[in-house]
Amino acid sequence: MVKRVRDGEVLVVTDHGTPVAKMIPAGPTTLAELAQAGLVSTPDKDLSDLLARIPRGNPSRAGTEALRELRKDP
């Protein structure tokens, strides 16, 4: 059974016909392993670069007020 899973097969374990578990091939578990497998990409910039571009100051409350109006009971 383990050899079949190692070879890529997914096995479902049942209890009287009801699925209770699934055996799947082990895959990458860390970000580095996922990136090496081509499943994710790693960041090319530091998060602080992105945060520095967020506008500062007093945010508009127009959206909040519009939502309040929409949520009022008729």
PDB file of N, CA and C in Angstrom:
ATOM      1  N   MET A   1       0.832  -1.186   0.000  1.00  0.00           N
ATOM      2  CA  MET A   1       0.000   0.000   0.000  1.00  0.00           C
ATOM      3  C   MET A   1       0.880   1.256   0.000  1.00  0.00           C
ATOM      4  N   VAL A   2       1.915   1.302   0.840  1.00  0.00           N
ATOM      5  CA  VAL A   2       2.793   2.462   0.907  1.00  0.00           C
ATOM      6  C   VAL A   2       3.495   2.677  -0.431  1.00  0.00           C
ATOM      7  N   LYS A   3       3.897   1.598  -1.088  1.00  0.00           N
ATOM      8  CA  LYS A   3       4.558   1.723  -2.386  1.00  0.00           C
ATOM      9  C   LYS A   3       3.635   2.386  -3.393  1.00  0.00           C
ATOM     10  N   ARG A   4       2.352   2.034  -3.369  1.00  0.00           N
ATOM     11  CA  ARG A   4       1.399   2.644  -4.307  1.00  0.00           C
ATOM     12  C   ARG A   4       1.294   4.141  -4.067  1.00  0.00           C
ATOM     13  N   VAL A   5       1.263   4.557  -2.796  1.00  0.00           N
ATOM     14  CA  VAL A   5       1.195   5.975  -2.464  1.00  0.00           C
ATOM     15  C   VAL A   5       2.501   6.665  -2.870  1.00  0.00           C
ATOM     16  N   ARG A   6       3.628   6.034  -2.581  1.00  0.00           N
ATOM     17  CA  ARG A   6       4.924   6.591  -2.954  1.00  0.00           C
ATOM     18  C   ARG A   6       4.993   6.798  -4.471  1.00  0.00           C
ATOM     19  N   ASP A   7       4.354   5.925  -5.221  1.00  0.00           N
ATOM     20  CA  ASP A   7       4.358   6.025  -6.677  1.00  0.00           C
ATOM     21  C   ASP A   7       3.353   7.040  -7.217  1.00  0.00           C
ATOM     22  N   GLY A   8       2.649   7.721  -6.299  1.00  0.00           N
ATOM     23  CA  GLY A   8       1.760   8.798  -6.724  1.00  0.00           C
ATOM     24  C   GLY A   8       0.279   8.540  -6.573  1.00  0.00           C
ATOM     25  N   GLU A   9      -0.096   7.351  -6.183  1.00  0.00           N
ATOM     26  CA  GLU A   9      -1.515   7.036  -6.038  1.00  0.00           C
ATOM     27  C   GLU A   9      -2.065   7.610  -4.733  1.00  0.00           C
ATOM     28  N   VAL A  10      -3.320   8.035  -4.744  1.00  0.00           N
ATOM     29  CA  VAL A  10      -4.010   8.508  -3.548  1.00  0.00           C
ATOM     30  C   VAL A  10      -4.951   7.397  -3.103  1.00  0.00           C
ATOM     31  N   LEU A  11      -4.828   6.998  -1.839  1.00  0.00           N
ATOM     32  CA  LEU A  11      -5.688   5.943  -1.313  1.00  0.00           C
ATOM     33  C   LEU A  11      -6.624   6.509  -0.258  1.00  0.00           C
ATOM     34  N   VAL A  12      -7.886   6.133  -0.335  1.00  0.00           N
ATOM     35  CA  VAL A  12      -8.887   6.570   0.635  1.00  0.00           C
ATOM     36  C   VAL A  12      -9.185   5.403   1.564  1.00  0.00           C
ATOM     37  N   VAL A  13      -9.077   5.659   2.871  1.00  0.00           N
ATOM     38  CA  VAL A  13      -9.368   4.653   3.888  1.00  0.00           C
ATOM     39  C   VAL A  13     -10.820   4.841   4.300  1.00  0.00           C
ATOM     40  N   THR A  14     -11.575   3.744   4.318  1.00  0.00           N
ATOM     41  CA  THR A  14     -12.994   3.837   4.663  1.00  0.00           C
ATOM     42  C   THR A  14     -13.312   2.996   5.891  1.00  0.00           C
ATOM     43  N   ASP A  15     -14.384   3.381   6.551  1.00  0.00           N
ATOM     44  CA  ASP A  15     -14.929   2.617   7.674  1.00  0.00           C
ATOM     45  C   ASP A  15     -16.352   2.247   7.285  1.00  0.00           C
ATOM     46  N   HIS A  16     -16.557   1.012   6.907  1.00  0.00           N
ATOM     47  CA  HIS A  16     -17.864   0.535   6.438  1.00  0.00           C
ATOM     48  C   HIS A  16     -18.377   1.402   5.285  1.00  0.00           C
ATOM     49  N   GLY A  17     -17.481   1.744   4.351  1.00  0.00           N
ATOM     50  CA  GLY A  17     -17.876   2.495   3.161  1.00  0.00           C
ATOM     51  C   GLY A  17     -17.833   4.003   3.307  1.00  0.00           C
ATOM     52  N   THR A  18     -17.580   4.500   4.508  1.00  0.00           N
ATOM     53  CA  THR A  18     -17.504   5.943   4.739  1.00  0.00           C
ATOM     54  C   THR A  18     -16.041   6.371   4.774  1.00  0.00           C
ATOM     55  N   PRO A  19     -15.637   7.292   3.897  1.00  0.00           N
ATOM     56  CA  PRO A  19     -14.241   7.738   3.908  1.00  0.00           C
ATOM     57  C   PRO A  19     -13.881   8.372   5.255  1.00  0.00           C
ATOM     58  N   VAL A  20     -12.749   7.952   5.831  1.00  0.00           N
ATOM     59  CA  VAL A  20     -12.304   8.486   7.120  1.00  0.00           C
ATOM     60  C   VAL A  20     -10.885   9.052   7.051  1.00  0.00           C
ATOM     61  N   ALA A  21     -10.126   8.699   6.032  1.00  0.00           N
ATOM     62  CA  ALA A  21      -8.758   9.191   5.906  1.00  0.00           C
ATOM     63  C   ALA A  21      -8.321   9.074   4.456  1.00  0.00           C
ATOM     64  N   LYS A  22      -7.283   9.823   4.142  1.00  0.00           N
ATOM     65  CA  LYS A  22      -6.741   9.783   2.794  1.00  0.00           C
ATOM     66  C   LYS A  22      -5.220   9.702   2.895  1.00  0.00           C
ATOM     67  N   MET A  23      -4.633   8.773   2.182  1.00  0.00           N
ATOM     68  CA  MET A  23      -3.169   8.675   2.101  1.00  0.00           C
ATOM     69  C   MET A  23      -2.752   9.283   0.777  1.00  0.00           C
ATOM     70  N   ILE A  24      -1.910  10.300   0.867  1.00  0.00           N
ATOM     71  CA  ILE A  24      -1.437  10.979  -0.334  1.00  0.00           C
ATOM     72  C   ILE A  24       0.086  11.005  -0.323  1.00  0.00           C
ATOM     73  N   PRO A  25       0.705  11.104  -1.494  1.00  0.00           N
ATOM     74  CA  PRO A  25       2.157  11.196  -1.518  1.00  0.00           C
ATOM     75  C   PRO A  25       2.616  12.442  -0.764  1.00  0.00           C
ATOM     76  N   ALA A  26       3.683  12.299   0.003  1.00  0.00           N
ATOM     77  CA  ALA A  26       4.229  13.439   0.733  1.00  0.00           C
ATOM     78  C   ALA A  26       4.769  14.441  -0.278  1.00  0.00           C
ATOM     79  N   GLY A  27       4.514  15.704  -0.006  1.00  0.00           N
ATOM     80  CA  GLY A  27       4.986  16.748  -0.897  1.00  0.00           C
ATOM     81  C   GLY A  27       5.839  17.735  -0.134  1.00  0.00           C
ATOM     82  N   PRO A  28       6.213  18.791  -0.809  1.00  0.00           N
ATOM     83  CA  PRO A  28       7.018  19.810  -0.148  1.00  0.00           C
ATOM     84  C   PRO A  28       6.273  20.410   1.033  1.00  0.00           C
ATOM     85  N   THR A  29       6.997  20.746   2.094  1.00  0.00           N
ATOM     86  CA  THR A  29       6.346  21.257   3.294  1.00  0.00           C
ATOM     87  C   THR A  29       6.822  22.637   3.711  1.00  0.00           C
ATOM     88  N   THR A  30       7.955  23.094   3.208  1.00  0.00           N
ATOM     89  CA  THR A  30       8.424  24.425   3.561  1.00  0.00           C
ATOM     90  C   THR A  30       8.344  25.328   2.346  1.00  0.00           C
ATOM     91  N   LEU A  31       8.393  26.631   2.579  1.00  0.00           N
ATOM     92  CA  LEU A  31       8.345  27.576   1.464  1.00  0.00           C
ATOM     93  C   LEU A  31       9.485  27.320   0.493  1.00  0.00           C
ATOM     94  N   ALA A  32      10.672  27.037   1.014  1.00  0.00           N
ATOM     95  CA  ALA A  32      11.818  26.773   0.140  1.00  0.00           C
ATOM     96  C   ALA A  32      11.574  25.543  -0.724  1.00  0.00           C
ATOM     97  N   GLU A  33      11.000  24.489  -0.126  1.00  0.00           N
ATOM     98  CA  GLU A  33      10.711  23.282  -0.901  1.00  0.00           C
ATOM     99  C   GLU A  33       9.617  23.532  -1.935  1.00  0.00           C
ATOM    100  N   LEU A  34       8.597  24.313  -1.552  1.00  0.00           N
ATOM    101  CA  LEU A  34       7.534  24.643  -2.507  1.00  0.00           C
ATOM    102  C   LEU A  34       8.094  25.447  -3.675  1.00  0.00           C
ATOM    103  N   ALA A  35       8.978  26.386  -3.385  1.00  0.00           N
ATOM    104  CA  ALA A  35       9.590  27.197  -4.439  1.00  0.00           C
ATOM    105  C   ALA A  35      10.461  26.330  -5.344  1.00  0.00           C
ATOM    106  N   GLN A  36      11.218  25.436  -4.734  1.00  0.00           N
ATOM    107  CA  GLN A  36      12.086  24.556  -5.515  1.00  0.00           C
ATOM    108  C   GLN A  36      11.259  23.651  -6.432  1.00  0.00           C
ATOM    109  N   ALA A  37      10.077  23.261  -5.976  1.00  0.00           N
ATOM    110  CA  ALA A  37       9.190  22.419  -6.785  1.00  0.00           C
ATOM    111  C   ALA A  37       8.426  23.228  -7.827  1.00  0.00           C
ATOM    112  N   GLY A  38       8.586  24.558  -7.794  1.00  0.00           N
ATOM    113  CA  GLY A  38       7.890  25.402  -8.765  1.00  0.00           C
ATOM    114  C   GLY A  38       6.436  25.653  -8.438  1.00  0.00           C
ATOM    115  N   LEU A  39       6.035  25.411  -7.189  1.00  0.00           N
ATOM    116  CA  LEU A  39       4.636  25.569  -6.805  1.00  0.00           C
ATOM    117  C   LEU A  39       4.319  26.966  -6.291  1.00  0.00           C
ATOM    118  N   VAL A  40       5.328  27.706  -5.855  1.00  0.00           N
ATOM    119  CA  VAL A  40       5.156  29.086  -5.413  1.00  0.00           C
ATOM    120  C   VAL A  40       6.365  29.882  -5.890  1.00  0.00           C
ATOM    121  N   SER A  41       6.223  31.178  -5.861  1.00  0.00           N
ATOM    122  CA  SER A  41       7.376  32.023  -6.163  1.00  0.00           C
ATOM    123  C   SER A  41       7.763  32.773  -4.896  1.00  0.00           C
ATOM    124  N   THR A  42       9.029  33.044  -4.772  1.00  0.00           N
ATOM    125  CA  THR A  42       9.502  33.765  -3.594  1.00  0.00           C
ATOM    126  C   THR A  42       9.453  35.260  -3.880  1.00  0.00           C
ATOM    127  N   PRO A  43       9.319  36.078  -2.854  1.00  0.00           N
ATOM    128  CA  PRO A  43       9.231  37.524  -3.064  1.00  0.00           C
ATOM    129  C   PRO A  43      10.527  38.070  -3.652  1.00  0.00           C
ATOM    130  N   ASP A  44      10.380  39.082  -4.513  1.00  0.00           N
ATOM    131  CA  ASP A  44      11.572  39.703  -5.081  1.00  0.00           C
ATOM    132  C   ASP A  44      11.841  41.072  -4.465  1.00  0.00           C
ATOM    133  N   LYS A  45      10.954  41.508  -3.565  1.00  0.00           N
ATOM    134  CA  LYS A  45      11.129  42.778  -2.866  1.00  0.00           C
ATOM    135  C   LYS A  45      10.830  42.570  -1.389  1.00  0.00           C
ATOM    136  N   ASP A  46      11.328  43.460  -0.583  1.00  0.00           N
ATOM    137  CA  ASP A  46      11.083  43.411   0.846  1.00  0.00           C
ATOM    138  C   ASP A  46       9.699  43.986   1.138  1.00  0.00           C
ATOM    139  N   LEU A  47       8.994  43.427   2.099  1.00  0.00           N
ATOM    140  CA  LEU A  47       7.656  43.893   2.452  1.00  0.00           C
ATOM    141  C   LEU A  47       7.669  45.365   2.856  1.00  0.00           C
ATOM    142  N   SER A  48       8.731  45.810   3.480  1.00  0.00           N
ATOM    143  CA  SER A  48       8.802  47.218   3.899  1.00  0.00           C
ATOM    144  C   SER A  48       8.751  48.165   2.701  1.00  0.00           C
ATOM    145  N   ASP A  49       9.223  47.710   1.523  1.00  0.00           N
ATOM    146  CA  ASP A  49       9.126  48.539   0.309  1.00  0.00           C
ATOM    147  C   ASP A  49       7.664  48.782  -0.055  1.00  0.00           C
ATOM    148  N   LEU A  50       6.858  47.763   0.057  1.00  0.00           N
ATOM    149  CA  LEU A  50       5.435  47.882  -0.247  1.00  0.00           C
ATOM    150  C   LEU A  50       4.734  48.751   0.788  1.00  0.00           C
ATOM    151  N   LEU A  51       5.042  48.530   2.055  1.00  0.00           N
ATOM    152  CA  LEU A  51       4.400  49.300   3.115  1.00  0.00           C
ATOM    153  C   LEU A  51       4.736  50.781   3.016  1.00  0.00           C
ATOM    154  N   ALA A  52       5.917  51.103   2.526  1.00  0.00           N
ATOM    155  CA  ALA A  52       6.326  52.502   2.400  1.00  0.00           C
ATOM    156  C   ALA A  52       5.475  53.246   1.373  1.00  0.00           C
ATOM    157  N   ARG A  53       4.841  52.528   0.455  1.00  0.00           N
ATOM    158  CA  ARG A  53       4.030  53.172  -0.592  1.00  0.00           C
ATOM    159  C   ARG A  53       2.587  53.412  -0.176  1.00  0.00           C
ATOM    160  N   ILE A  54       2.190  52.924   0.989  1.00  0.00           N
ATOM    161  CA  ILE A  54       0.817  53.126   1.445  1.00  0.00           C
ATOM    162  C   ILE A  54       0.643  54.591   1.841  1.00  0.00           C
ATOM    163  N   PRO A  55      -0.374  55.257   1.300  1.00  0.00           N
ATOM    164  CA  PRO A  55      -0.578  56.667   1.622  1.00  0.00           C
ATOM    165  C   PRO A  55      -0.834  56.877   3.112  1.00  0.00           C
ATOM    166  N   ARG A  56      -0.268  57.933   3.631  1.00  0.00           N
ATOM    167  CA  ARG A  56      -0.463  58.295   5.035  1.00  0.00           C
ATOM    168  C   ARG A  56      -1.408  59.487   5.109  1.00  0.00           C
ATOM    169  N   GLY A  57      -1.887  59.782   6.277  1.00  0.00           N
ATOM    170  CA  GLY A  57      -2.767  60.930   6.453  1.00  0.00           C
ATOM    171  C   GLY A  57      -4.125  60.487   6.937  1.00  0.00           C
ATOM    172  N   ASN A  58      -5.093  61.370   6.826  1.00  0.00           N
ATOM    173  CA  ASN A  58      -6.453  61.078   7.279  1.00  0.00           C
ATOM    174  C   ASN A  58      -7.210  60.345   6.186  1.00  0.00           C
ATOM    175  N   PRO A  59      -7.587  59.097   6.425  1.00  0.00           N
ATOM    176  CA  PRO A  59      -8.333  58.358   5.406  1.00  0.00           C
ATOM    177  C   PRO A  59      -9.749  58.904   5.262  1.00  0.00           C
ATOM    178  N   SER A  60     -10.296  58.730   4.084  1.00  0.00           N
ATOM    179  CA  SER A  60     -11.662  59.162   3.819  1.00  0.00           C
ATOM    180  C   SER A  60     -12.639  58.230   4.531  1.00  0.00           C
ATOM    181  N   ARG A  61     -13.702  58.770   5.027  1.00  0.00           N
ATOM    182  CA  ARG A  61     -14.746  57.974   5.680  1.00  0.00           C
ATOM    183  C   ARG A  61     -15.940  57.782   4.751  1.00  0.00           C
ATOM    184  N   ALA A  62     -15.814  58.217   3.493  1.00  0.00           N
ATOM    185  CA  ALA A  62     -16.938  58.158   2.563  1.00  0.00           C
ATOM    186  C   ALA A  62     -17.438  56.723   2.354  1.00  0.00           C
ATOM    187  N   GLY A  63     -16.519  55.772   2.219  1.00  0.00           N
ATOM    188  CA  GLY A  63     -16.927  54.379   2.019  1.00  0.00           C
ATOM    189  C   GLY A  63     -17.675  53.826   3.221  1.00  0.00           C
ATOM    190  N   THR A  64     -17.188  54.134   4.408  1.00  0.00           N
ATOM    191  CA  THR A  64     -17.844  53.680   5.634  1.00  0.00           C
ATOM    192  C   THR A  64     -19.245  54.260   5.739  1.00  0.00           C
ATOM    193  N   GLU A  65     -19.362  55.548   5.445  1.00  0.00           N
ATOM    194  CA  GLU A  65     -20.673  56.197   5.523  1.00  0.00           C
ATOM    195  C   GLU A  65     -21.628  55.625   4.478  1.00  0.00           C
ATOM    196  N   ALA A  66     -21.143  55.339   3.285  1.00  0.00           N
ATOM    197  CA  ALA A  66     -21.992  54.752   2.234  1.00  0.00           C
ATOM    198  C   ALA A  66     -22.497  53.377   2.672  1.00  0.00           C
ATOM    199  N   LEU A  67     -21.628  52.573   3.266  1.00  0.00           N
ATOM    200  CA  LEU A  67     -22.057  51.266   3.752  1.00  0.00           C
ATOM    201  C   LEU A  67     -23.088  51.386   4.871  1.00  0.00           C
ATOM    202  N   ARG A  68     -22.916  52.330   5.753  1.00  0.00           N
ATOM    203  CA  ARG A  68     -23.895  52.541   6.831  1.00  0.00           C
ATOM    204  C   ARG A  68     -25.265  52.849   6.231  1.00  0.00           C
ATOM    205  N   GLU A  69     -25.284  53.692   5.214  1.00  0.00           N
ATOM    206  CA  GLU A  69     -26.562  54.055   4.570  1.00  0.00           C
ATOM    207  C   GLU A  69     -27.197  52.820   3.923  1.00  0.00           C
ATOM    208  N   LEU A  70     -26.386  52.004   3.256  1.00  0.00           N
ATOM    209  CA  LEU A  70     -26.908  50.819   2.584  1.00  0.00           C
ATOM    210  C   LEU A  70     -27.438  49.779   3.582  1.00  0.00           C
ATOM    211  N   ARG A  71     -26.856  49.733   4.755  1.00  0.00           N
ATOM    212  CA  ARG A  71     -27.224  48.717   5.749  1.00  0.00           C
ATOM    213  C   ARG A  71     -28.400  49.146   6.633  1.00  0.00           C
ATOM    214  N   LYS A  72     -28.860  50.353   6.504  1.00  0.00           N
ATOM    215  CA  LYS A  72     -29.999  50.796   7.313  1.00  0.00           C
ATOM    216  C   LYS A  72     -31.236  50.001   6.946  1.00  0.00           C
ATOM    217  N   ASP A  73     -32.032  49.723   7.950  1.00  0.00           N
ATOM    218  CA  ASP A  73     -33.278  48.998   7.700  1.00  0.00           C
ATOM    219  C   ASP A  73     -34.239  49.892   6.916  1.00  0.00           C
ATOM    220  N   PRO A  74     -34.936  49.318   5.935  1.00  0.00           N
ATOM    221  CA  PRO A  74     -35.896  50.120   5.146  1.00  0.00           C
ATOM    222  C   PRO A  74     -37.108  50.543   5.946  1.00  0.00           C
TER     223      PRO A  74
END
